[in-house]
Amino acid sequence: MSLTRVNGGASPFQATGRALSMFTVSLANVHVSYDAPESDFEKLIRAIETVSSIEILGTPGSGSFRVAVSGTSLNATQLEAILSAAVATTTVASYTF
């Protein structure tokens, strides 16, 4: 990403960063006791970390959570397969920016 001065703005700057992929991970009751050791939430996070770097992680609520990852070209189908191996019946949706 590169940001530069637009319309003669006074403060030109450059910002660079990694490309992020954002996913919503859905699993029934993932928000119940999510901070307990060996919770489904923890298992899903460990599975994600085996294939990419987590940059942003949302607190689970009402059966889902959001995560932004970098360092990989994962798509929702691939991530869903990885997570379903860790915890059954996981659904993943992706967001493109």
PDB file of N, CA and C in Angstrom:
ATOM      1  N   MET A   1       0.842  -1.160   0.000  1.00  0.00           N
ATOM      2  CA  MET A   1       0.000   0.000   0.000  1.00  0.00           C
ATOM      3  C   MET A   1       0.887   1.221   0.000  1.00  0.00           C
ATOM      4  N   SER A   2       0.528   2.195  -0.758  1.00  0.00           N
ATOM      5  CA  SER A   2       1.289   3.433  -0.809  1.00  0.00           C
ATOM      6  C   SER A   2       0.327   4.607  -0.769  1.00  0.00           C
ATOM      7  N   LEU A   3       0.515   5.476   0.199  1.00  0.00           N
ATOM      8  CA  LEU A   3      -0.316   6.665   0.326  1.00  0.00           C
ATOM      9  C   LEU A   3       0.536   7.876  -0.008  1.00  0.00           C
ATOM     10  N   THR A   4       0.031   8.747  -0.844  1.00  0.00           N
ATOM     11  CA  THR A   4       0.787   9.939  -1.222  1.00  0.00           C
ATOM     12  C   THR A   4      -0.125  11.158  -1.194  1.00  0.00           C
ATOM     13  N   ARG A   5       0.481  12.312  -1.287  1.00  0.00           N
ATOM     14  CA  ARG A   5      -0.251  13.577  -1.258  1.00  0.00           C
ATOM     15  C   ARG A   5      -1.246  13.643  -2.412  1.00  0.00           C
ATOM     16  N   VAL A   6      -2.446  14.103  -2.101  1.00  0.00           N
ATOM     17  CA  VAL A   6      -3.506  14.229  -3.097  1.00  0.00           C
ATOM     18  C   VAL A   6      -3.971  15.683  -3.118  1.00  0.00           C
ATOM     19  N   ASN A   7      -4.213  16.202  -4.300  1.00  0.00           N
ATOM     20  CA  ASN A   7      -4.741  17.563  -4.468  1.00  0.00           C
ATOM     21  C   ASN A   7      -3.900  18.621  -3.773  1.00  0.00           C
ATOM     22  N   GLY A   8      -2.591  18.483  -3.841  1.00  0.00           N
ATOM     23  CA  GLY A   8      -1.712  19.506  -3.280  1.00  0.00           C
ATOM     24  C   GLY A   8      -1.699  19.545  -1.767  1.00  0.00           C
ATOM     25  N   GLY A   9      -2.015  18.432  -1.110  1.00  0.00           N
ATOM     26  CA  GLY A   9      -2.016  18.402   0.360  1.00  0.00           C
ATOM     27  C   GLY A   9      -0.667  18.774   0.940  1.00  0.00           C
ATOM     28  N   ALA A  10      -0.667  19.257   2.149  1.00  0.00           N
ATOM     29  CA  ALA A  10       0.546  19.786   2.758  1.00  0.00           C
ATOM     30  C   ALA A  10       1.467  18.710   3.328  1.00  0.00           C
ATOM     31  N   SER A  11       0.971  17.514   3.568  1.00  0.00           N
ATOM     32  CA  SER A  11       1.778  16.509   4.259  1.00  0.00           C
ATOM     33  C   SER A  11       1.905  15.229   3.456  1.00  0.00           C
ATOM     34  N   PRO A  12       2.848  15.179   2.523  1.00  0.00           N
ATOM     35  CA  PRO A  12       3.032  13.929   1.785  1.00  0.00           C
ATOM     36  C   PRO A  12       3.688  12.876   2.677  1.00  0.00           C
ATOM     37  N   PHE A  13       3.269  11.649   2.562  1.00  0.00           N
ATOM     38  CA  PHE A  13       3.917  10.561   3.286  1.00  0.00           C
ATOM     39  C   PHE A  13       3.697   9.265   2.540  1.00  0.00           C
ATOM     40  N   GLN A  14       4.494   8.287   2.885  1.00  0.00           N
ATOM     41  CA  GLN A  14       4.395   6.959   2.302  1.00  0.00           C
ATOM     42  C   GLN A  14       4.120   5.969   3.428  1.00  0.00           C
ATOM     43  N   ALA A  15       3.243   5.028   3.184  1.00  0.00           N
ATOM     44  CA  ALA A  15       2.987   3.961   4.143  1.00  0.00           C
ATOM     45  C   ALA A  15       3.035   2.645   3.387  1.00  0.00           C
ATOM     46  N   THR A  16       3.801   1.733   3.877  1.00  0.00           N
ATOM     47  CA  THR A  16       3.857   0.419   3.244  1.00  0.00           C
ATOM     48  C   THR A  16       3.528  -0.630   4.287  1.00  0.00           C
ATOM     49  N   GLY A  17       3.037  -1.735   3.862  1.00  0.00           N
ATOM     50  CA  GLY A  17       2.693  -2.797   4.795  1.00  0.00           C
ATOM     51  C   GLY A  17       2.408  -4.088   4.062  1.00  0.00           C
ATOM     52  N   ARG A  18       2.109  -5.109   4.826  1.00  0.00           N
ATOM     53  CA  ARG A  18       1.812  -6.414   4.270  1.00  0.00           C
ATOM     54  C   ARG A  18       0.381  -6.458   3.751  1.00  0.00           C
ATOM     55  N   ALA A  19       0.173  -7.290   2.772  1.00  0.00           N
ATOM     56  CA  ALA A  19      -1.187  -7.536   2.299  1.00  0.00           C
ATOM     57  C   ALA A  19      -1.890  -8.408   3.336  1.00  0.00           C
ATOM     58  N   LEU A  20      -3.084  -8.014   3.725  1.00  0.00           N
ATOM     59  CA  LEU A  20      -3.837  -8.764   4.719  1.00  0.00           C
ATOM     60  C   LEU A  20      -5.019  -9.463   4.065  1.00  0.00           C
ATOM     61  N   SER A  21      -5.323 -10.628   4.578  1.00  0.00           N
ATOM     62  CA  SER A  21      -6.537 -11.344   4.199  1.00  0.00           C
ATOM     63  C   SER A  21      -7.401 -11.411   5.448  1.00  0.00           C
ATOM     64  N   MET A  22      -8.664 -11.017   5.319  1.00  0.00           N
ATOM     65  CA  MET A  22      -9.578 -10.987   6.456  1.00  0.00           C
ATOM     66  C   MET A  22     -10.601 -12.098   6.315  1.00  0.00           C
ATOM     67  N   PHE A  23     -10.818 -12.828   7.408  1.00  0.00           N
ATOM     68  CA  PHE A  23     -11.762 -13.938   7.410  1.00  0.00           C
ATOM     69  C   PHE A  23     -12.698 -13.838   8.602  1.00  0.00           C
ATOM     70  N   THR A  24     -13.920 -14.291   8.428  1.00  0.00           N
ATOM     71  CA  THR A  24     -14.834 -14.523   9.540  1.00  0.00           C
ATOM     72  C   THR A  24     -14.934 -16.028   9.705  1.00  0.00           C
ATOM     73  N   VAL A  25     -14.622 -16.501  10.894  1.00  0.00           N
ATOM     74  CA  VAL A  25     -14.657 -17.934  11.200  1.00  0.00           C
ATOM     75  C   VAL A  25     -15.883 -18.183  12.068  1.00  0.00           C
ATOM     76  N   SER A  26     -16.753 -19.071  11.618  1.00  0.00           N
ATOM     77  CA  SER A  26     -17.984 -19.371  12.353  1.00  0.00           C
ATOM     78  C   SER A  26     -17.945 -20.796  12.889  1.00  0.00           C
ATOM     79  N   LEU A  27     -18.290 -20.921  14.148  1.00  0.00           N
ATOM     80  CA  LEU A  27     -18.364 -22.228  14.810  1.00  0.00           C
ATOM     81  C   LEU A  27     -19.329 -22.075  15.968  1.00  0.00           C
ATOM     82  N   ALA A  28     -20.322 -22.931  16.040  1.00  0.00           N
ATOM     83  CA  ALA A  28     -21.294 -22.862  17.130  1.00  0.00           C
ATOM     84  C   ALA A  28     -20.574 -22.896  18.474  1.00  0.00           C
ATOM     85  N   ASN A  29     -20.936 -21.989  19.337  1.00  0.00           N
ATOM     86  CA  ASN A  29     -20.424 -21.915  20.714  1.00  0.00           C
ATOM     87  C   ASN A  29     -18.933 -21.618  20.828  1.00  0.00           C
ATOM     88  N   VAL A  30     -18.308 -21.073  19.777  1.00  0.00           N
ATOM     89  CA  VAL A  30     -16.878 -20.745  19.861  1.00  0.00           C
ATOM     90  C   VAL A  30     -16.630 -19.674  20.919  1.00  0.00           C
ATOM     91  N   HIS A  31     -17.647 -18.890  21.240  1.00  0.00           N
ATOM     92  CA  HIS A  31     -17.501 -17.818  22.217  1.00  0.00           C
ATOM     93  C   HIS A  31     -17.641 -18.302  23.663  1.00  0.00           C
ATOM     94  N   VAL A  32     -18.082 -19.541  23.867  1.00  0.00           N
ATOM     95  CA  VAL A  32     -18.265 -20.069  25.220  1.00  0.00           C
ATOM     96  C   VAL A  32     -16.917 -20.525  25.763  1.00  0.00           C
ATOM     97  N   SER A  33     -16.511 -19.947  26.891  1.00  0.00           N
ATOM     98  CA  SER A  33     -15.234 -20.281  27.554  1.00  0.00           C
ATOM     99  C   SER A  33     -14.055 -20.204  26.598  1.00  0.00           C
ATOM    100  N   TYR A  34     -14.047 -19.189  25.728  1.00  0.00           N
ATOM    101  CA  TYR A  34     -12.992 -19.085  24.722  1.00  0.00           C
ATOM    102  C   TYR A  34     -11.606 -18.866  25.317  1.00  0.00           C
ATOM    103  N   ASP A  35     -11.534 -18.384  26.555  1.00  0.00           N
ATOM    104  CA  ASP A  35     -10.233 -18.132  27.173  1.00  0.00           C
ATOM    105  C   ASP A  35      -9.711 -19.323  27.971  1.00  0.00           C
ATOM    106  N   ALA A  36     -10.419 -20.432  27.952  1.00  0.00           N
ATOM    107  CA  ALA A  36      -9.983 -21.633  28.660  1.00  0.00           C
ATOM    108  C   ALA A  36      -8.937 -22.391  27.840  1.00  0.00           C
ATOM    109  N   PRO A  37      -7.986 -23.033  28.518  1.00  0.00           N
ATOM    110  CA  PRO A  37      -7.014 -23.864  27.782  1.00  0.00           C
ATOM    111  C   PRO A  37      -7.734 -24.960  26.995  1.00  0.00           C
ATOM    112  N   GLU A  38      -7.249 -25.204  25.812  1.00  0.00           N
ATOM    113  CA  GLU A  38      -7.805 -26.232  24.921  1.00  0.00           C
ATOM    114  C   GLU A  38      -9.239 -25.935  24.474  1.00  0.00           C
ATOM    115  N   SER A  39      -9.645 -24.672  24.525  1.00  0.00           N
ATOM    116  CA  SER A  39     -10.966 -24.317  24.003  1.00  0.00           C
ATOM    117  C   SER A  39     -10.953 -24.443  22.479  1.00  0.00           C
ATOM    118  N   ASP A  40     -12.132 -24.502  21.889  1.00  0.00           N
ATOM    119  CA  ASP A  40     -12.204 -24.560  20.425  1.00  0.00           C
ATOM    120  C   ASP A  40     -11.556 -23.323  19.810  1.00  0.00           C
ATOM    121  N   PHE A  41     -11.743 -22.160  20.421  1.00  0.00           N
ATOM    122  CA  PHE A  41     -11.139 -20.921  19.927  1.00  0.00           C
ATOM    123  C   PHE A  41      -9.623 -21.050  19.890  1.00  0.00           C
ATOM    124  N   GLU A  42      -9.033 -21.559  20.961  1.00  0.00           N
ATOM    125  CA  GLU A  42      -7.576 -21.729  21.012  1.00  0.00           C
ATOM    126  C   GLU A  42      -7.100 -22.719  19.946  1.00  0.00           C
ATOM    127  N   LYS A  43      -7.831 -23.792  19.755  1.00  0.00           N
ATOM    128  CA  LYS A  43      -7.460 -24.775  18.731  1.00  0.00           C
ATOM    129  C   LYS A  43      -7.482 -24.151  17.337  1.00  0.00           C
ATOM    130  N   LEU A  44      -8.490 -23.314  17.069  1.00  0.00           N
ATOM    131  CA  LEU A  44      -8.584 -22.668  15.769  1.00  0.00           C
ATOM    132  C   LEU A  44      -7.431 -21.695  15.556  1.00  0.00           C
ATOM    133  N   ILE A  45      -7.080 -20.942  16.587  1.00  0.00           N
ATOM    134  CA  ILE A  45      -5.976 -19.986  16.488  1.00  0.00           C
ATOM    135  C   ILE A  45      -4.663 -20.721  16.224  1.00  0.00           C
ATOM    136  N   ARG A  46      -4.419 -21.803  16.930  1.00  0.00           N
ATOM    137  CA  ARG A  46      -3.195 -22.579  16.694  1.00  0.00           C
ATOM    138  C   ARG A  46      -3.157 -23.121  15.269  1.00  0.00           C
ATOM    139  N   ALA A  47      -4.290 -23.556  14.750  1.00  0.00           N
ATOM    140  CA  ALA A  47      -4.344 -24.075  13.375  1.00  0.00           C
ATOM    141  C   ALA A  47      -4.041 -22.965  12.365  1.00  0.00           C
ATOM    142  N   ILE A  48      -4.581 -21.769  12.586  1.00  0.00           N
ATOM    143  CA  ILE A  48      -4.303 -20.649  11.692  1.00  0.00           C
ATOM    144  C   ILE A  48      -2.825 -20.300  11.716  1.00  0.00           C
ATOM    145  N   GLU A  49      -2.221 -20.316  12.902  1.00  0.00           N
ATOM    146  CA  GLU A  49      -0.814 -19.948  13.043  1.00  0.00           C
ATOM    147  C   GLU A  49       0.133 -20.942  12.382  1.00  0.00           C
ATOM    148  N   THR A  50      -0.336 -22.130  12.045  1.00  0.00           N
ATOM    149  CA  THR A  50       0.533 -23.091  11.354  1.00  0.00           C
ATOM    150  C   THR A  50       0.739 -22.724   9.894  1.00  0.00           C
ATOM    151  N   VAL A  51      -0.144 -21.877   9.339  1.00  0.00           N
ATOM    152  CA  VAL A  51      -0.062 -21.557   7.914  1.00  0.00           C
ATOM    153  C   VAL A  51       0.112 -20.077   7.614  1.00  0.00           C
ATOM    154  N   SER A  52      -0.020 -19.213   8.610  1.00  0.00           N
ATOM    155  CA  SER A  52       0.100 -17.780   8.356  1.00  0.00           C
ATOM    156  C   SER A  52       0.381 -17.030   9.651  1.00  0.00           C
ATOM    157  N   SER A  53       0.600 -15.736   9.531  1.00  0.00           N
ATOM    158  CA  SER A  53       0.811 -14.870  10.685  1.00  0.00           C
ATOM    159  C   SER A  53      -0.479 -14.124  10.982  1.00  0.00           C
ATOM    160  N   ILE A  54      -0.925 -14.190  12.215  1.00  0.00           N
ATOM    161  CA  ILE A  54      -2.127 -13.460  12.610  1.00  0.00           C
ATOM    162  C   ILE A  54      -1.740 -12.026  12.914  1.00  0.00           C
ATOM    163  N   GLU A  55      -2.371 -11.092  12.239  1.00  0.00           N
ATOM    164  CA  GLU A  55      -2.103  -9.670  12.436  1.00  0.00           C
ATOM    165  C   GLU A  55      -3.164  -9.022  13.317  1.00  0.00           C
ATOM    166  N   ILE A  56      -4.421  -9.406  13.135  1.00  0.00           N
ATOM    167  CA  ILE A  56      -5.535  -8.872  13.911  1.00  0.00           C
ATOM    168  C   ILE A  56      -6.429 -10.042  14.291  1.00  0.00           C
ATOM    169  N   LEU A  57      -6.850 -10.069  15.553  1.00  0.00           N
ATOM    170  CA  LEU A  57      -7.701 -11.153  16.031  1.00  0.00           C
ATOM    171  C   LEU A  57      -8.838 -10.557  16.839  1.00  0.00           C
ATOM    172  N   GLY A  58     -10.052 -10.880  16.461  1.00  0.00           N
ATOM    173  CA  GLY A  58     -11.215 -10.381  17.185  1.00  0.00           C
ATOM    174  C   GLY A  58     -11.628 -11.338  18.292  1.00  0.00           C
ATOM    175  N   THR A  59     -12.237 -10.792  19.312  1.00  0.00           N
ATOM    176  CA  THR A  59     -12.790 -11.602  20.390  1.00  0.00           C
ATOM    177  C   THR A  59     -14.032 -12.309  19.869  1.00  0.00           C
ATOM    178  N   PRO A  60     -14.159 -13.610  20.112  1.00  0.00           N
ATOM    179  CA  PRO A  60     -15.319 -14.320  19.582  1.00  0.00           C
ATOM    180  C   PRO A  60     -16.611 -13.877  20.271  1.00  0.00           C
ATOM    181  N   GLY A  61     -17.645 -13.808  19.476  1.00  0.00           N
ATOM    182  CA  GLY A  61     -18.947 -13.462  20.018  1.00  0.00           C
ATOM    183  C   GLY A  61     -20.045 -14.118  19.210  1.00  0.00           C
ATOM    184  N   SER A  62     -20.990 -14.694  19.868  1.00  0.00           N
ATOM    185  CA  SER A  62     -22.172 -15.271  19.236  1.00  0.00           C
ATOM    186  C   SER A  62     -21.841 -16.234  18.093  1.00  0.00           C
ATOM    187  N   GLY A  63     -20.845 -17.075  18.307  1.00  0.00           N
ATOM    188  CA  GLY A  63     -20.563 -18.141  17.357  1.00  0.00           C
ATOM    189  C   GLY A  63     -19.608 -17.822  16.228  1.00  0.00           C
ATOM    190  N   SER A  64     -18.906 -16.683  16.282  1.00  0.00           N
ATOM    191  CA  SER A  64     -17.936 -16.389  15.223  1.00  0.00           C
ATOM    192  C   SER A  64     -16.902 -15.380  15.715  1.00  0.00           C
ATOM    193  N   PHE A  65     -15.818 -15.267  14.963  1.00  0.00           N
ATOM    194  CA  PHE A  65     -14.814 -14.246  15.226  1.00  0.00           C
ATOM    195  C   PHE A  65     -14.143 -13.885  13.914  1.00  0.00           C
ATOM    196  N   ARG A  66     -13.491 -12.734  13.894  1.00  0.00           N
ATOM    197  CA  ARG A  66     -12.773 -12.292  12.694  1.00  0.00           C
ATOM    198  C   ARG A  66     -11.283 -12.328  12.951  1.00  0.00           C
ATOM    199  N   VAL A  67     -10.561 -12.607  11.875  1.00  0.00           N
ATOM    200  CA  VAL A  67      -9.104 -12.672  11.957  1.00  0.00           C
ATOM    201  C   VAL A  67      -8.525 -12.134  10.653  1.00  0.00           C
ATOM    202  N   ALA A  68      -7.453 -11.366  10.777  1.00  0.00           N
ATOM    203  CA  ALA A  68      -6.720 -10.882   9.604  1.00  0.00           C
ATOM    204  C   ALA A  68      -5.344 -11.532   9.636  1.00  0.00           C
ATOM    205  N   VAL A  69      -4.950 -12.116   8.521  1.00  0.00           N
ATOM    206  CA  VAL A  69      -3.676 -12.826   8.441  1.00  0.00           C
ATOM    207  C   VAL A  69      -2.822 -12.247   7.324  1.00  0.00           C
ATOM    208  N   SER A  70      -1.518 -12.461   7.442  1.00  0.00           N
ATOM    209  CA  SER A  70      -0.586 -12.045   6.391  1.00  0.00           C
ATOM    210  C   SER A  70       0.400 -13.163   6.153  1.00  0.00           C
ATOM    211  N   GLY A  71       1.167 -13.013   5.093  1.00  0.00           N
ATOM    212  CA  GLY A  71       2.219 -13.980   4.815  1.00  0.00           C
ATOM    213  C   GLY A  71       1.740 -15.244   4.136  1.00  0.00           C
ATOM    214  N   THR A  72       0.570 -15.200   3.552  1.00  0.00           N
ATOM    215  CA  THR A  72       0.048 -16.383   2.887  1.00  0.00           C
ATOM    216  C   THR A  72      -0.949 -15.969   1.811  1.00  0.00           C
ATOM    217  N   SER A  73      -1.243 -16.872   0.923  1.00  0.00           N
ATOM    218  CA  SER A  73      -2.252 -16.596  -0.103  1.00  0.00           C
ATOM    219  C   SER A  73      -3.459 -17.500   0.112  1.00  0.00           C
ATOM    220  N   LEU A  74      -3.812 -17.736   1.364  1.00  0.00           N
ATOM    221  CA  LEU A  74      -4.955 -18.588   1.684  1.00  0.00           C
ATOM    222  C   LEU A  74      -6.254 -18.001   1.159  1.00  0.00           C
ATOM    223  N   ASN A  75      -7.143 -18.874   0.747  1.00  0.00           N
ATOM    224  CA  ASN A  75      -8.504 -18.442   0.473  1.00  0.00           C
ATOM    225  C   ASN A  75      -9.420 -19.091   1.506  1.00  0.00           C
ATOM    226  N   ALA A  76     -10.673 -18.727   1.512  1.00  0.00           N
ATOM    227  CA  ALA A  76     -11.603 -19.203   2.532  1.00  0.00           C
ATOM    228  C   ALA A  76     -11.751 -20.728   2.512  1.00  0.00           C
ATOM    229  N   THR A  77     -11.773 -21.305   1.334  1.00  0.00           N
ATOM    230  CA  THR A  77     -11.938 -22.757   1.224  1.00  0.00           C
ATOM    231  C   THR A  77     -10.754 -23.497   1.831  1.00  0.00           C
ATOM    232  N   GLN A  78      -9.538 -23.022   1.552  1.00  0.00           N
ATOM    233  CA  GLN A  78      -8.345 -23.655   2.114  1.00  0.00           C
ATOM    234  C   GLN A  78      -8.310 -23.516   3.632  1.00  0.00           C
ATOM    235  N   LEU A  79      -8.614 -22.314   4.132  1.00  0.00           N
ATOM    236  CA  LEU A  79      -8.597 -22.107   5.574  1.00  0.00           C
ATOM    237  C   LEU A  79      -9.673 -22.933   6.258  1.00  0.00           C
ATOM    238  N   GLU A  80     -10.829 -23.039   5.635  1.00  0.00           N
ATOM    239  CA  GLU A  80     -11.904 -23.848   6.205  1.00  0.00           C
ATOM    240  C   GLU A  80     -11.482 -25.310   6.332  1.00  0.00           C
ATOM    241  N   ALA A  81     -10.769 -25.841   5.345  1.00  0.00           N
ATOM    242  CA  ALA A  81     -10.296 -27.231   5.408  1.00  0.00           C
ATOM    243  C   ALA A  81      -9.299 -27.417   6.555  1.00  0.00           C
ATOM    244  N   ILE A  82      -8.402 -26.456   6.725  1.00  0.00           N
ATOM    245  CA  ILE A  82      -7.404 -26.536   7.804  1.00  0.00           C
ATOM    246  C   ILE A  82      -8.095 -26.476   9.165  1.00  0.00           C
ATOM    247  N   LEU A  83      -9.041 -25.555   9.316  1.00  0.00           N
ATOM    248  CA  LEU A  83      -9.712 -25.394  10.599  1.00  0.00           C
ATOM    249  C   LEU A  83     -10.659 -26.535  10.904  1.00  0.00           C
ATOM    250  N   SER A  84     -11.308 -27.085   9.884  1.00  0.00           N
ATOM    251  CA  SER A  84     -12.218 -28.209  10.106  1.00  0.00           C
ATOM    252  C   SER A  84     -11.471 -29.454  10.566  1.00  0.00           C
ATOM    253  N   ALA A  85     -10.194 -29.553  10.222  1.00  0.00           N
ATOM    254  CA  ALA A  85      -9.383 -30.664  10.717  1.00  0.00           C
ATOM    255  C   ALA A  85      -9.098 -30.492  12.208  1.00  0.00           C
ATOM    256  N   ALA A  86      -9.044 -29.249  12.674  1.00  0.00           N
ATOM    257  CA  ALA A  86      -8.776 -28.971  14.092  1.00  0.00           C
ATOM    258  C   ALA A  86     -10.040 -29.054  14.936  1.00  0.00           C
ATOM    259  N   VAL A  87     -11.135 -28.508  14.417  1.00  0.00           N
ATOM    260  CA  VAL A  87     -12.420 -28.489  15.116  1.00  0.00           C
ATOM    261  C   VAL A  87     -13.499 -28.694  14.053  1.00  0.00           C
ATOM    262  N   ALA A  88     -14.304 -29.707  14.212  1.00  0.00           N
ATOM    263  CA  ALA A  88     -15.298 -30.059  13.190  1.00  0.00           C
ATOM    264  C   ALA A  88     -16.313 -28.947  12.944  1.00  0.00           C
ATOM    265  N   THR A  89     -16.913 -28.966  11.781  1.00  0.00           N
ATOM    266  CA  THR A  89     -17.985 -28.067  11.341  1.00  0.00           C
ATOM    267  C   THR A  89     -17.651 -26.587  11.511  1.00  0.00           C
ATOM    268  N   THR A  90     -16.532 -26.181  10.968  1.00  0.00           N
ATOM    269  CA  THR A  90     -16.131 -24.785  10.958  1.00  0.00           C
ATOM    270  C   THR A  90     -16.435 -24.212   9.587  1.00  0.00           C
ATOM    271  N   THR A  91     -16.986 -23.002   9.539  1.00  0.00           N
ATOM    272  CA  THR A  91     -17.282 -22.312   8.287  1.00  0.00           C
ATOM    273  C   THR A  91     -16.475 -21.040   8.232  1.00  0.00           C
ATOM    274  N   VAL A  92     -15.907 -20.732   7.046  1.00  0.00           N
ATOM    275  CA  VAL A  92     -15.067 -19.569   6.890  1.00  0.00           C
ATOM    276  C   VAL A  92     -15.573 -18.729   5.718  1.00  0.00           C
ATOM    277  N   ALA A  93     -15.654 -17.424   5.929  1.00  0.00           N
ATOM    278  CA  ALA A  93     -15.989 -16.474   4.862  1.00  0.00           C
ATOM    279  C   ALA A  93     -14.836 -15.491   4.759  1.00  0.00           C
ATOM    280  N   SER A  94     -14.533 -15.051   3.546  1.00  0.00           N
ATOM    281  CA  SER A  94     -13.412 -14.124   3.366  1.00  0.00           C
ATOM    282  C   SER A  94     -13.908 -12.756   2.924  1.00  0.00           C
ATOM    283  N   TYR A  95     -13.079 -11.762   3.179  1.00  0.00           N
ATOM    284  CA  TYR A  95     -13.362 -10.383   2.780  1.00  0.00           C
ATOM    285  C   TYR A  95     -12.187  -9.896   1.952  1.00  0.00           C
ATOM    286  N   THR A  96     -12.464  -9.194   0.885  1.00  0.00           N
ATOM    287  CA  THR A  96     -11.432  -8.678   0.018  1.00  0.00           C
ATOM    288  C   THR A  96     -11.419  -7.169   0.112  1.00  0.00           C
ATOM    289  N   PHE A  97     -10.228  -6.602   0.221  1.00  0.00           N
ATOM    290  CA  PHE A  97     -10.083  -5.144   0.287  1.00  0.00           C
ATOM    291  C   PHE A  97      -9.411  -4.624  -0.954  1.00  0.00           C
TER     292      PHE A  97
END
